[in-house]
């Protein structure tokens, strides 16, 4: 299984990258929306793990574009963010997110478990 992680905090990116590799996933990780779009154009992924607060673009805007693009609209997307406002969560699901995880509430192996459950269609 191949995952793309778009997360601007390098420390968090490194933690998740290591955890997913340890669990047998292929993972590419980038720090901006621009880099994320480049990766999505170059590679095929099974799942996108997406932060909302990014330096160059809003993760919800990335989600919207992913779901509107015929080449990527079937991609599973998990929003992984510290934004817990109900309106933002609701908007994430309306735009097509498969799951919404609050970073503070999940440790890395729990995030891996959530990704596995989404990929297995549960």
N, C-alpha and C. Protein backbone atom coordinates (compact mmCIF):
# COMPACT_ATOMS: atom_id res chain seq x y z
N UNK A 1 0.84 -1.19 0.00
CA UNK A 1 0.00 0.00 0.00
C UNK A 1 0.88 1.26 0.00
N UNK A 2 0.45 2.22 -0.76
CA UNK A 2 1.26 3.43 -0.92
C UNK A 2 0.49 4.66 -0.41
N UNK A 3 1.17 5.42 0.43
CA UNK A 3 0.55 6.57 1.08
C UNK A 3 1.33 7.84 0.74
N UNK A 4 0.58 8.94 0.60
CA UNK A 4 1.19 10.26 0.51
C UNK A 4 0.79 11.03 1.76
N UNK A 5 1.78 11.56 2.47
CA UNK A 5 1.55 12.38 3.66
C UNK A 5 1.91 13.82 3.32
N UNK A 6 0.94 14.72 3.48
CA UNK A 6 1.21 16.15 3.32
C UNK A 6 1.08 16.78 4.70
N UNK A 7 2.23 17.14 5.27
CA UNK A 7 2.33 17.65 6.64
C UNK A 7 3.48 18.63 6.68
N UNK A 8 3.23 19.86 7.14
CA UNK A 8 4.28 20.88 7.10
C UNK A 8 5.29 20.78 8.24
N UNK A 9 4.95 20.14 9.34
CA UNK A 9 5.88 20.03 10.46
C UNK A 9 6.80 18.83 10.26
N UNK A 10 8.07 19.12 10.03
CA UNK A 10 9.04 18.07 9.69
C UNK A 10 9.13 16.99 10.76
N UNK A 11 9.11 17.38 12.02
CA UNK A 11 9.18 16.42 13.13
C UNK A 11 8.03 15.42 13.06
N UNK A 12 6.83 15.91 12.86
CA UNK A 12 5.65 15.03 12.76
C UNK A 12 5.74 14.16 11.50
N UNK A 13 6.17 14.77 10.40
CA UNK A 13 6.33 14.03 9.14
C UNK A 13 7.29 12.86 9.34
N UNK A 14 8.40 13.11 10.00
CA UNK A 14 9.40 12.05 10.23
C UNK A 14 8.85 10.92 11.11
N UNK A 15 8.11 11.28 12.14
CA UNK A 15 7.53 10.27 13.03
C UNK A 15 6.58 9.36 12.26
N UNK A 16 5.66 9.97 11.51
CA UNK A 16 4.69 9.17 10.75
C UNK A 16 5.35 8.36 9.64
N UNK A 17 6.32 8.96 8.98
CA UNK A 17 7.02 8.24 7.91
C UNK A 17 7.66 6.98 8.47
N UNK A 18 8.35 7.10 9.59
CA UNK A 18 8.98 5.95 10.22
C UNK A 18 7.98 4.89 10.64
N UNK A 19 6.88 5.33 11.22
CA UNK A 19 5.85 4.40 11.71
C UNK A 19 5.21 3.62 10.55
N UNK A 20 4.91 4.32 9.46
CA UNK A 20 4.29 3.63 8.32
C UNK A 20 5.27 2.67 7.65
N UNK A 21 6.54 3.07 7.52
CA UNK A 21 7.54 2.17 6.94
C UNK A 21 7.70 0.93 7.80
N UNK A 22 7.71 1.11 9.11
CA UNK A 22 7.84 0.00 10.05
C UNK A 22 6.68 -0.99 9.88
N UNK A 23 5.53 -0.48 9.46
CA UNK A 23 4.34 -1.32 9.27
C UNK A 23 4.17 -1.79 7.83
N UNK A 24 5.22 -1.65 7.02
CA UNK A 24 5.21 -2.22 5.68
C UNK A 24 4.59 -1.37 4.59
N UNK A 25 4.32 -0.11 4.88
CA UNK A 25 3.76 0.78 3.87
C UNK A 25 4.88 1.47 3.09
N UNK A 26 4.58 1.78 1.83
CA UNK A 26 5.42 2.71 1.08
C UNK A 26 4.85 4.08 1.37
N UNK A 27 5.69 5.05 1.70
CA UNK A 27 5.17 6.38 2.03
C UNK A 27 6.07 7.47 1.45
N UNK A 28 5.43 8.43 0.82
CA UNK A 28 6.10 9.66 0.41
C UNK A 28 5.57 10.75 1.32
N UNK A 29 6.45 11.64 1.78
CA UNK A 29 5.95 12.73 2.63
C UNK A 29 6.52 14.05 2.14
N UNK A 30 5.66 15.04 2.12
CA UNK A 30 6.04 16.38 1.65
C UNK A 30 5.50 17.42 2.63
N UNK A 31 6.06 18.63 2.54
CA UNK A 31 5.73 19.67 3.51
C UNK A 31 4.81 20.76 3.01
N UNK A 32 4.33 20.67 1.77
CA UNK A 32 3.46 21.72 1.26
C UNK A 32 2.44 21.17 0.27
N UNK A 33 1.40 21.94 0.06
CA UNK A 33 0.38 21.55 -0.91
C UNK A 33 0.94 21.45 -2.31
N UNK A 34 1.81 22.39 -2.66
CA UNK A 34 2.42 22.41 -4.00
C UNK A 34 3.18 21.10 -4.24
N UNK A 35 4.01 20.70 -3.27
CA UNK A 35 4.76 19.44 -3.40
C UNK A 35 3.80 18.25 -3.46
N UNK A 36 2.72 18.34 -2.69
CA UNK A 36 1.72 17.27 -2.68
C UNK A 36 1.09 17.07 -4.04
N UNK A 37 0.70 18.19 -4.68
CA UNK A 37 0.11 18.10 -6.02
C UNK A 37 1.10 17.52 -7.03
N UNK A 38 2.38 17.89 -6.89
CA UNK A 38 3.41 17.34 -7.78
C UNK A 38 3.51 15.82 -7.61
N UNK A 39 3.51 15.36 -6.36
CA UNK A 39 3.58 13.92 -6.09
C UNK A 39 2.35 13.19 -6.63
N UNK A 40 1.18 13.79 -6.43
CA UNK A 40 -0.06 13.17 -6.91
C UNK A 40 -0.08 13.06 -8.44
N UNK A 41 0.55 14.02 -9.11
CA UNK A 41 0.61 14.00 -10.57
C UNK A 41 1.60 12.93 -11.07
N UNK A 42 2.61 12.63 -10.26
CA UNK A 42 3.68 11.71 -10.69
C UNK A 42 3.43 10.26 -10.30
N UNK A 43 2.68 10.04 -9.22
CA UNK A 43 2.56 8.70 -8.64
C UNK A 43 1.12 8.33 -8.36
N UNK A 44 0.91 7.01 -8.20
CA UNK A 44 -0.41 6.52 -7.81
C UNK A 44 -0.34 6.14 -6.33
N UNK A 45 -1.31 6.63 -5.56
CA UNK A 45 -1.36 6.34 -4.13
C UNK A 45 -2.68 5.66 -3.78
N UNK A 46 -2.64 4.90 -2.68
CA UNK A 46 -3.86 4.27 -2.16
C UNK A 46 -4.57 5.18 -1.17
N UNK A 47 -3.79 6.08 -0.53
CA UNK A 47 -4.37 6.93 0.50
C UNK A 47 -3.56 8.21 0.65
N UNK A 48 -4.27 9.29 0.92
CA UNK A 48 -3.65 10.59 1.20
C UNK A 48 -3.92 10.94 2.65
N UNK A 49 -2.85 11.17 3.40
CA UNK A 49 -2.94 11.61 4.79
C UNK A 49 -2.62 13.10 4.76
N UNK A 50 -3.59 13.92 5.12
CA UNK A 50 -3.54 15.34 4.79
C UNK A 50 -3.76 16.24 6.00
N UNK A 51 -2.80 17.12 6.25
CA UNK A 51 -2.95 18.16 7.26
C UNK A 51 -3.80 19.29 6.65
N UNK A 52 -4.48 20.06 7.47
CA UNK A 52 -5.27 21.17 6.95
C UNK A 52 -4.46 22.46 6.94
N UNK A 53 -3.75 22.73 8.04
CA UNK A 53 -2.99 23.97 8.14
C UNK A 53 -1.61 23.79 7.48
N UNK A 54 -1.50 24.26 6.26
CA UNK A 54 -0.25 24.16 5.51
C UNK A 54 0.23 25.56 5.14
N UNK A 55 1.53 25.72 4.88
CA UNK A 55 2.06 27.07 4.64
C UNK A 55 1.56 27.72 3.35
N UNK A 56 1.28 26.92 2.32
CA UNK A 56 0.96 27.52 1.03
C UNK A 56 -0.49 27.38 0.60
N UNK A 57 -1.20 26.42 1.15
CA UNK A 57 -2.58 26.21 0.75
C UNK A 57 -3.31 25.48 1.87
N UNK A 58 -4.60 25.60 1.90
CA UNK A 58 -5.41 24.96 2.91
C UNK A 58 -5.65 23.50 2.51
N UNK A 59 -5.50 22.59 3.47
CA UNK A 59 -5.71 21.17 3.19
C UNK A 59 -7.10 20.87 2.67
N UNK A 60 -8.09 21.64 3.09
CA UNK A 60 -9.45 21.42 2.59
C UNK A 60 -9.53 21.75 1.10
N UNK A 61 -8.76 22.74 0.67
CA UNK A 61 -8.71 23.08 -0.76
C UNK A 61 -8.04 21.95 -1.55
N UNK A 62 -7.00 21.36 -0.97
CA UNK A 62 -6.34 20.21 -1.62
C UNK A 62 -7.34 19.07 -1.75
N UNK A 63 -8.06 18.78 -0.66
CA UNK A 63 -9.07 17.73 -0.66
C UNK A 63 -10.09 17.97 -1.77
N UNK A 64 -10.57 19.19 -1.86
CA UNK A 64 -11.57 19.55 -2.87
C UNK A 64 -11.04 19.28 -4.28
N UNK A 65 -9.80 19.70 -4.54
CA UNK A 65 -9.20 19.50 -5.86
C UNK A 65 -8.95 18.02 -6.16
N UNK A 66 -8.53 17.27 -5.15
CA UNK A 66 -8.31 15.83 -5.33
C UNK A 66 -9.62 15.14 -5.72
N UNK A 67 -10.70 15.51 -5.04
CA UNK A 67 -11.99 14.85 -5.29
C UNK A 67 -12.64 15.32 -6.61
N UNK A 68 -12.24 16.48 -7.12
CA UNK A 68 -12.80 16.98 -8.38
C UNK A 68 -12.01 16.48 -9.60
N UNK A 69 -10.81 15.96 -9.36
CA UNK A 69 -9.95 15.52 -10.45
C UNK A 69 -10.24 14.04 -10.76
N UNK A 70 -10.66 13.74 -12.00
CA UNK A 70 -10.97 12.33 -12.34
C UNK A 70 -9.80 11.37 -12.11
N UNK A 71 -8.57 11.88 -12.17
CA UNK A 71 -7.40 11.02 -11.97
C UNK A 71 -7.20 10.64 -10.51
N UNK A 72 -7.76 11.44 -9.58
CA UNK A 72 -7.51 11.19 -8.15
C UNK A 72 -8.79 11.08 -7.32
N UNK A 73 -9.95 11.19 -7.95
CA UNK A 73 -11.18 11.30 -7.14
C UNK A 73 -11.57 10.04 -6.38
N UNK A 74 -10.95 8.92 -6.66
CA UNK A 74 -11.25 7.70 -5.88
C UNK A 74 -10.23 7.48 -4.75
N UNK A 75 -9.25 8.36 -4.66
CA UNK A 75 -8.22 8.27 -3.62
C UNK A 75 -8.85 8.41 -2.23
N UNK A 76 -8.51 7.50 -1.34
CA UNK A 76 -8.96 7.61 0.06
C UNK A 76 -8.20 8.76 0.71
N UNK A 77 -8.91 9.57 1.51
CA UNK A 77 -8.27 10.72 2.15
C UNK A 77 -8.62 10.74 3.64
N UNK A 78 -7.57 10.83 4.47
CA UNK A 78 -7.76 11.02 5.90
C UNK A 78 -7.18 12.38 6.26
N UNK A 79 -8.00 13.21 6.86
CA UNK A 79 -7.52 14.50 7.36
C UNK A 79 -6.90 14.27 8.73
N UNK A 80 -5.67 14.70 8.90
CA UNK A 80 -4.94 14.53 10.16
C UNK A 80 -4.50 15.92 10.59
N UNK A 81 -5.19 16.48 11.58
CA UNK A 81 -5.02 17.89 11.91
C UNK A 81 -5.29 18.13 13.38
N UNK A 82 -4.96 19.29 13.86
CA UNK A 82 -5.34 19.66 15.22
C UNK A 82 -6.55 20.59 15.23
N UNK A 83 -7.12 20.85 14.06
CA UNK A 83 -8.34 21.66 14.00
C UNK A 83 -9.53 20.78 14.36
N UNK A 84 -10.13 21.06 15.50
CA UNK A 84 -11.22 20.21 15.96
C UNK A 84 -12.59 20.87 15.93
N UNK A 85 -12.68 22.04 15.30
CA UNK A 85 -13.97 22.73 15.26
C UNK A 85 -14.96 21.92 14.43
N UNK A 86 -16.16 21.82 14.93
CA UNK A 86 -17.18 21.01 14.27
C UNK A 86 -17.43 21.45 12.83
N UNK A 87 -17.43 22.75 12.57
CA UNK A 87 -17.68 23.24 11.21
C UNK A 87 -16.59 22.77 10.24
N UNK A 88 -15.35 22.75 10.71
CA UNK A 88 -14.24 22.31 9.86
C UNK A 88 -14.34 20.81 9.60
N UNK A 89 -14.67 20.05 10.64
CA UNK A 89 -14.83 18.60 10.51
C UNK A 89 -15.95 18.30 9.51
N UNK A 90 -17.07 18.99 9.67
CA UNK A 90 -18.22 18.80 8.78
C UNK A 90 -17.83 19.10 7.34
N UNK A 91 -17.12 20.20 7.14
CA UNK A 91 -16.69 20.58 5.80
C UNK A 91 -15.76 19.52 5.20
N UNK A 92 -14.86 18.98 6.02
CA UNK A 92 -13.97 17.92 5.55
C UNK A 92 -14.73 16.73 5.01
N UNK A 93 -15.75 16.30 5.74
CA UNK A 93 -16.55 15.16 5.27
C UNK A 93 -17.38 15.52 4.04
N UNK A 94 -17.91 16.75 4.01
CA UNK A 94 -18.69 17.18 2.84
C UNK A 94 -17.83 17.20 1.57
N UNK A 95 -16.54 17.51 1.74
CA UNK A 95 -15.64 17.56 0.59
C UNK A 95 -15.13 16.17 0.18
N UNK A 96 -15.43 15.16 1.00
CA UNK A 96 -15.09 13.80 0.59
C UNK A 96 -14.07 13.06 1.43
N UNK A 97 -13.70 13.60 2.59
CA UNK A 97 -12.75 12.89 3.46
C UNK A 97 -13.36 11.58 3.93
N UNK A 98 -12.53 10.55 4.02
CA UNK A 98 -12.98 9.25 4.52
C UNK A 98 -12.94 9.19 6.04
N UNK A 99 -12.05 9.99 6.62
CA UNK A 99 -11.90 10.00 8.08
C UNK A 99 -11.28 11.33 8.49
N UNK A 100 -11.52 11.72 9.73
CA UNK A 100 -10.99 12.98 10.26
C UNK A 100 -10.37 12.66 11.61
N UNK A 101 -9.05 12.80 11.71
CA UNK A 101 -8.36 12.48 12.95
C UNK A 101 -7.74 13.74 13.55
N UNK A 102 -7.95 13.93 14.84
CA UNK A 102 -7.32 15.03 15.56
C UNK A 102 -5.96 14.53 16.05
N UNK A 103 -4.87 15.16 15.58
CA UNK A 103 -3.51 14.70 15.89
C UNK A 103 -3.29 14.43 17.37
N UNK A 104 -3.76 15.34 18.22
CA UNK A 104 -3.50 15.22 19.66
C UNK A 104 -4.16 13.98 20.26
N UNK A 105 -5.17 13.45 19.60
CA UNK A 105 -5.94 12.34 20.16
C UNK A 105 -5.42 10.97 19.74
N UNK A 106 -4.44 10.94 18.84
CA UNK A 106 -3.96 9.67 18.30
C UNK A 106 -2.44 9.62 18.35
N UNK A 107 -1.90 8.48 18.80
CA UNK A 107 -0.46 8.31 18.68
C UNK A 107 -0.18 7.69 17.31
N UNK A 108 1.07 7.69 16.85
CA UNK A 108 1.36 7.22 15.49
C UNK A 108 0.86 5.80 15.17
N UNK A 109 0.97 4.85 16.10
CA UNK A 109 0.48 3.52 15.75
C UNK A 109 -1.04 3.46 15.67
N UNK A 110 -1.74 4.34 16.39
CA UNK A 110 -3.20 4.42 16.25
C UNK A 110 -3.56 5.01 14.88
N UNK A 111 -2.77 5.96 14.41
CA UNK A 111 -3.01 6.52 13.08
C UNK A 111 -2.80 5.43 12.02
N UNK A 112 -1.77 4.62 12.17
CA UNK A 112 -1.53 3.50 11.25
C UNK A 112 -2.75 2.56 11.26
N UNK A 113 -3.28 2.26 12.44
CA UNK A 113 -4.45 1.38 12.55
C UNK A 113 -5.66 2.00 11.84
N UNK A 114 -5.85 3.30 11.99
CA UNK A 114 -6.97 3.99 11.32
C UNK A 114 -6.80 3.93 9.79
N UNK A 115 -5.57 4.13 9.33
CA UNK A 115 -5.30 4.05 7.89
C UNK A 115 -5.61 2.65 7.38
N UNK A 116 -5.16 1.63 8.11
CA UNK A 116 -5.45 0.25 7.71
C UNK A 116 -6.95 0.01 7.62
N UNK A 117 -7.71 0.52 8.58
CA UNK A 117 -9.16 0.28 8.57
C UNK A 117 -9.83 0.97 7.37
N UNK A 118 -9.36 2.16 7.01
CA UNK A 118 -9.91 2.86 5.84
C UNK A 118 -9.55 2.10 4.56
N UNK A 119 -8.32 1.65 4.47
CA UNK A 119 -7.89 0.91 3.28
C UNK A 119 -8.58 -0.43 3.14
N UNK A 120 -8.96 -1.02 4.27
CA UNK A 120 -9.67 -2.30 4.24
C UNK A 120 -11.17 -2.10 4.06
N UNK A 121 -11.60 -0.84 4.00
CA UNK A 121 -13.00 -0.53 3.74
C UNK A 121 -13.91 -0.71 4.93
N UNK A 122 -13.39 -0.56 6.13
CA UNK A 122 -14.22 -0.73 7.33
C UNK A 122 -14.67 0.59 7.89
